[in-house]
Protein backbone atom coordinates (compact mmCIF):
# COMPACT_ATOMS: atom_id res chain seq x y z
CA UNK A 1 -0.26 -0.09 0.02
CA UNK A 2 1.49 3.24 -1.09
CA UNK A 3 0.53 6.66 -2.34
CA UNK A 4 1.40 8.85 -5.56
CA UNK A 5 3.57 11.26 -3.43
CA UNK A 6 5.35 8.34 -2.06
CA UNK A 7 6.40 6.15 -4.96
CA UNK A 8 9.84 7.57 -5.28
CA UNK A 9 10.60 8.58 -1.78
CA UNK A 10 9.32 5.00 -0.14
CA UNK A 11 7.80 2.72 -2.28
CA UNK A 12 10.70 2.54 -4.56
CA UNK A 13 13.04 1.46 -1.45
CA UNK A 14 10.57 -1.30 -0.64
CA UNK A 15 10.54 -2.42 -4.40
CA UNK A 16 14.59 -2.33 -4.11
CA UNK A 17 14.58 -4.57 -0.89
CA UNK A 18 12.52 -6.96 0.62
CA UNK A 19 9.60 -7.21 -1.56
CA UNK A 20 12.05 -8.86 -4.47
CA UNK A 21 11.74 -12.28 -2.33
CA UNK A 22 8.14 -12.44 -2.74
CA UNK A 23 6.55 -14.32 -5.58
CA UNK A 24 4.53 -11.28 -6.86
CA UNK A 25 4.22 -7.77 -5.39
CA UNK A 26 1.73 -5.09 -6.38
CA UNK A 27 2.02 -1.81 -5.51
CA UNK A 28 -1.69 -0.21 -4.57
CA UNK A 29 -1.57 3.67 -5.07
CA UNK A 30 -4.72 6.10 -5.70
CA UNK A 31 -4.48 5.87 -9.58
CA UNK A 32 -2.62 3.57 -12.18
CA UNK A 33 1.09 4.49 -12.64
CA UNK A 34 2.07 2.32 -15.70
CA UNK A 35 5.77 3.81 -15.26
CA UNK A 36 6.27 2.87 -11.64
CA UNK A 37 3.99 0.71 -11.83
CA UNK A 38 1.05 0.47 -9.58
CA UNK A 39 -2.49 -1.23 -10.13
CA UNK A 40 -5.55 0.26 -10.93
CA UNK A 41 -8.17 0.74 -8.00
CA UNK A 42 -9.03 4.37 -8.46
CA UNK A 43 -9.62 5.56 -4.94
CA UNK A 44 -9.33 8.83 -3.23
CA UNK A 45 -6.23 10.07 -1.77
CA UNK A 46 -5.42 10.58 1.68
CA UNK A 47 -5.63 8.46 5.19
CA UNK A 48 -9.19 9.14 5.47
CA UNK A 49 -9.86 6.53 2.37
CA UNK A 50 -7.47 3.65 3.58
CA UNK A 51 -10.32 1.43 4.60
CA UNK A 52 -11.85 1.74 0.96
CA UNK A 53 -8.39 1.48 -0.68
CA UNK A 54 -7.64 -1.71 1.31
CA UNK A 55 -11.04 -3.39 0.78
CA UNK A 56 -10.52 -2.24 -2.88
CA UNK A 57 -7.14 -3.73 -3.25
CA UNK A 58 -8.16 -7.17 -1.96
CA UNK A 59 -10.91 -7.17 -4.57
CA UNK A 60 -8.59 -6.83 -7.18
CA UNK A 61 -6.10 -9.26 -5.82
CA UNK A 62 -9.10 -11.83 -5.91
CA UNK A 63 -10.09 -10.94 -9.31
CA UNK A 64 -6.90 -11.04 -10.79
CA UNK A 65 -4.60 -13.11 -8.56
CA UNK A 66 -6.50 -15.39 -6.59
CA UNK A 67 -5.03 -18.78 -8.01
CA UNK A 68 -1.47 -17.54 -8.16
CA UNK A 69 -0.87 -17.90 -4.49
CA UNK A 70 -1.98 -19.61 -1.12
CA UNK A 71 -1.30 -16.28 1.27
CA UNK A 72 -1.88 -12.65 0.57
CA UNK A 73 -0.06 -10.08 2.36
CA UNK A 74 -0.70 -6.17 2.79
CA UNK A 75 1.95 -4.09 3.90
CA UNK A 76 2.62 -0.42 4.29
CA UNK A 77 5.28 1.49 2.41
CA UNK A 78 7.33 1.76 5.46
CA UNK A 79 7.21 -1.87 6.56
CA UNK A 80 10.19 -4.08 6.25
CA UNK A 81 9.41 -8.18 6.14
CA UNK A 82 11.93 -10.74 6.45
CA UNK A 83 10.26 -13.06 3.74
CA UNK A 84 11.98 -16.27 4.78
CA UNK A 85 10.40 -16.12 8.31
CA UNK A 86 7.06 -15.35 7.18
CA UNK A 87 7.18 -18.31 4.53
CA UNK A 88 8.74 -20.45 7.76
CA UNK A 89 5.71 -19.50 9.78
CA UNK A 90 3.11 -19.99 6.98
CA UNK A 91 4.71 -23.35 6.53
CA UNK A 92 2.79 -24.99 9.48
CA UNK A 93 -0.52 -23.24 8.80
CA UNK A 94 -3.26 -24.18 6.52
CA UNK A 95 -4.28 -21.98 3.72
CA UNK A 96 -7.69 -23.59 3.17
CA UNK A 97 -8.88 -22.37 6.83
CA UNK A 98 -10.34 -18.97 7.13
CA UNK A 99 -7.55 -17.58 9.13
CA UNK A 100 -5.45 -14.32 9.09
CA UNK A 101 -2.30 -13.23 11.01
CA UNK A 102 -0.36 -10.32 12.22
CA UNK A 103 0.28 -7.86 15.10
CA UNK A 104 -2.98 -8.41 17.24
CA UNK A 105 -4.49 -5.94 19.51
CA UNK A 106 -7.03 -7.47 21.89
CA UNK A 107 -9.62 -4.69 22.06
CA UNK A 108 -12.42 -3.67 19.74
CA UNK A 109 -13.94 -7.07 18.87
CA UNK A 110 -14.18 -10.42 20.43
CA UNK A 111 -11.13 -11.88 18.60
CA UNK A 112 -9.26 -8.45 18.21
CA UNK A 113 -7.51 -7.28 15.20
CA UNK A 114 -4.53 -7.03 13.52
CA UNK A 115 -2.52 -3.85 13.03
CA UNK A 116 -2.24 -2.45 9.44
CA UNK A 117 1.27 -0.95 9.95
CA UNK A 118 3.23 -3.92 10.59
CA UNK A 119 1.15 -5.83 7.61
CA UNK A 120 -1.50 -9.14 7.69
CA UNK A 121 -1.71 -11.92 5.91
CA UNK A 122 -4.47 -13.52 5.00
CA UNK A 123 -5.18 -17.21 3.86
CA UNK A 124 -6.83 -18.14 0.48
CA UNK A 125 -9.95 -19.03 2.25
CA UNK A 126 -10.34 -16.10 3.91
CA UNK A 127 -9.60 -13.78 0.72
CA UNK A 128 -12.54 -15.82 -0.93
CA UNK A 129 -14.94 -15.30 1.79
CA UNK A 130 -14.06 -11.61 1.73
CA UNK A 131 -14.57 -11.22 -1.98
CA UNK A 132 -17.75 -13.37 -1.67
CA UNK A 133 -19.20 -10.85 1.18
CA UNK A 134 -22.88 -9.47 0.61
CA UNK A 135 -23.13 -6.26 -1.42
CA UNK A 136 -22.51 -3.40 0.91
CA UNK A 137 -20.94 -5.27 3.92
CA UNK A 138 -17.52 -4.05 4.64
CA UNK A 139 -17.38 -1.15 1.91
CA UNK A 140 -17.75 1.66 3.71
CA UNK A 141 -14.86 4.21 3.97
CA UNK A 142 -13.30 6.36 6.69
CA UNK A 143 -12.15 5.44 10.07
CA UNK A 144 -9.33 2.90 11.05
CA UNK A 145 -8.68 0.69 8.22
CA UNK A 146 -7.20 -2.25 10.46
CA UNK A 147 -10.09 -2.17 12.89
CA UNK A 148 -12.65 -2.35 10.11
CA UNK A 149 -10.89 -5.07 8.06
CA UNK A 150 -10.76 -6.81 11.31
CA UNK A 151 -14.33 -6.40 12.07
CA UNK A 152 -15.41 -7.49 8.54
CA UNK A 153 -13.35 -10.69 8.97
CA UNK A 154 -14.90 -11.57 11.99
CA UNK A 155 -18.35 -11.40 10.77
CA UNK A 156 -17.14 -13.47 7.77
CA UNK A 157 -16.10 -16.20 10.24
CA UNK A 158 -12.17 -15.69 9.50
CA UNK A 159 -10.13 -16.50 12.56
CA UNK A 160 -7.36 -14.38 13.93
CA UNK A 161 -4.54 -16.35 14.07
CA UNK A 162 -1.69 -16.43 16.87
CA UNK A 163 1.63 -15.49 15.47
CA UNK A 164 3.63 -15.45 18.69
CA UNK A 165 6.48 -18.20 18.75
CA UNK A 166 6.71 -21.11 21.04
CA UNK A 167 8.34 -18.88 23.85
CA UNK A 168 5.34 -16.32 23.50
CA UNK A 169 7.58 -13.52 21.76
CA UNK A 170 6.14 -11.33 18.96
CA UNK A 171 6.73 -11.71 15.41
CA UNK A 172 5.35 -8.71 14.00
CA UNK A 173 6.32 -5.40 15.50
CA UNK A 174 4.54 -1.96 15.19
CA UNK A 175 7.86 -0.15 15.68
CA UNK A 176 11.51 -0.58 14.17
CA UNK A 177 12.45 -1.97 17.60
CA UNK A 178 16.15 -1.88 18.19
CA UNK A 179 16.73 -0.31 14.62
CA UNK A 180 15.69 2.94 15.98
CA UNK A 181 15.81 5.55 18.95
CA UNK A 182 12.03 5.08 19.29
CA UNK A 183 12.69 2.03 21.56
CA UNK A 184 14.34 3.99 24.10
CA UNK A 185 11.36 7.08 23.65
CA UNK A 186 8.73 4.48 24.56
CA UNK A 187 10.46 2.56 27.12
CA UNK A 188 12.68 4.88 28.82
CA UNK A 189 12.65 2.62 32.12
CA UNK A 190 14.33 -0.02 30.43
CA UNK A 191 17.84 1.28 30.67
CA UNK A 192 20.55 0.17 31.84
CA UNK A 193 19.46 -3.33 31.13
CA UNK A 194 17.78 -3.09 27.55
CA UNK A 195 19.34 -6.09 25.86
CA UNK A 196 18.04 -7.96 28.75
CA UNK A 197 14.63 -6.80 28.26
CA UNK A 198 14.49 -7.87 24.43
CA UNK A 199 13.64 -11.19 24.91
CA UNK A 200 10.02 -10.61 23.69
CA UNK A 201 11.45 -10.16 20.20
CA UNK A 202 11.02 -13.59 18.43
CA UNK A 203 14.21 -14.93 16.86
CA UNK A 204 12.29 -15.38 13.66
CA UNK A 205 11.00 -11.68 13.50
CA UNK A 206 8.57 -11.37 10.55
CA UNK A 207 7.73 -7.40 10.22
CA UNK A 208 9.12 -4.38 11.41
CA UNK A 209 7.00 -0.96 10.71
CA UNK A 210 7.80 2.75 10.52
CA UNK A 211 11.16 2.03 8.82
CA UNK A 212 12.99 4.62 7.01
CA UNK A 213 14.50 3.83 3.66
CA UNK A 214 18.16 4.02 4.99
CA UNK A 215 17.34 1.50 7.64
CA UNK A 216 15.82 -1.04 5.01
CA UNK A 217 19.36 -0.99 3.16
CA UNK A 218 21.19 -1.55 6.43
CA UNK A 219 19.03 -4.48 7.29
CA UNK A 220 19.79 -5.91 3.82
CA UNK A 221 23.36 -5.39 4.30
CA UNK A 222 23.58 -6.83 7.64
CA UNK A 223 21.37 -9.59 7.09
CA UNK A 224 21.57 -10.89 3.68
CA UNK A 225 25.64 -9.47 2.72
CA UNK A 226 27.29 -9.03 6.11
CA UNK A 227 29.39 -12.04 7.06
CA UNK A 228 31.71 -12.66 10.20
CA UNK A 229 34.70 -14.73 9.79
CA UNK A 230 34.56 -17.94 11.42
CA UNK A 231 30.91 -18.29 11.87
CA UNK A 232 29.58 -19.08 8.45
CA UNK A 233 30.11 -22.44 6.94
CA UNK A 234 31.41 -21.11 3.45
CA UNK A 235 33.11 -18.03 3.73
CA UNK A 236 34.03 -16.18 0.23
CA UNK A 237 37.79 -16.05 -0.19
CA UNK A 238 38.87 -12.23 -0.54
CA UNK A 239 39.98 -11.54 -3.63
CA UNK A 240 43.64 -9.55 -3.85
CA UNK A 241 43.31 -6.27 -5.16
CA UNK A 242 44.45 -5.36 -8.75
CA UNK A 243 47.82 -3.21 -8.16
CA UNK A 244 47.70 0.00 -10.08
CA UNK A 245 50.81 1.42 -11.54
């Protein structure tokens, strides 16, 4: 999910980093942009219309791409996903069941809802039920998109699944946790034992939210390119630099 004004300040960096590891990636903006490209959903711009933007995009995905995947993820243009960890988590889940996963807030409705920022993943059956909803159901606009979408899925019998690991640690995060000073801003009382308090972060974290583009590239380097000598099975032999005369 992005917008016309964010295409070349945010979305372009998402496209260059973690989304390359998905099977298929679609960028949903207010209007179709063939040059980027973005898909044609034609909704009004602005945060007030995120609900309609989300529901319209899921309808588009069902119509054009339903048979191409088992799971469908919605994420924002300031989100970073570790796709390998997402695949690992979903490998033990059943896409034929009506379920969706994300950062769960336990209020507003009986089973809670998943926050829109870190993104959420819907199964094939959940998407099918959503697309087959009665006319007028869940099609209103305005208000908090994630709450409205979660309430819609609950009415359709879609379960809000558990994404915590075996140690009850979160896999989806609403902030970029240890990558930003925001951690200390939100939990100043953690000092000086900050690292001892990070046991609520799952080793197999899936999603981080509210990242700047430079942080996305930093993750790309640290996770997918950086090697530490002696800790990897195969270490690239450094090439002797060519001497210049």
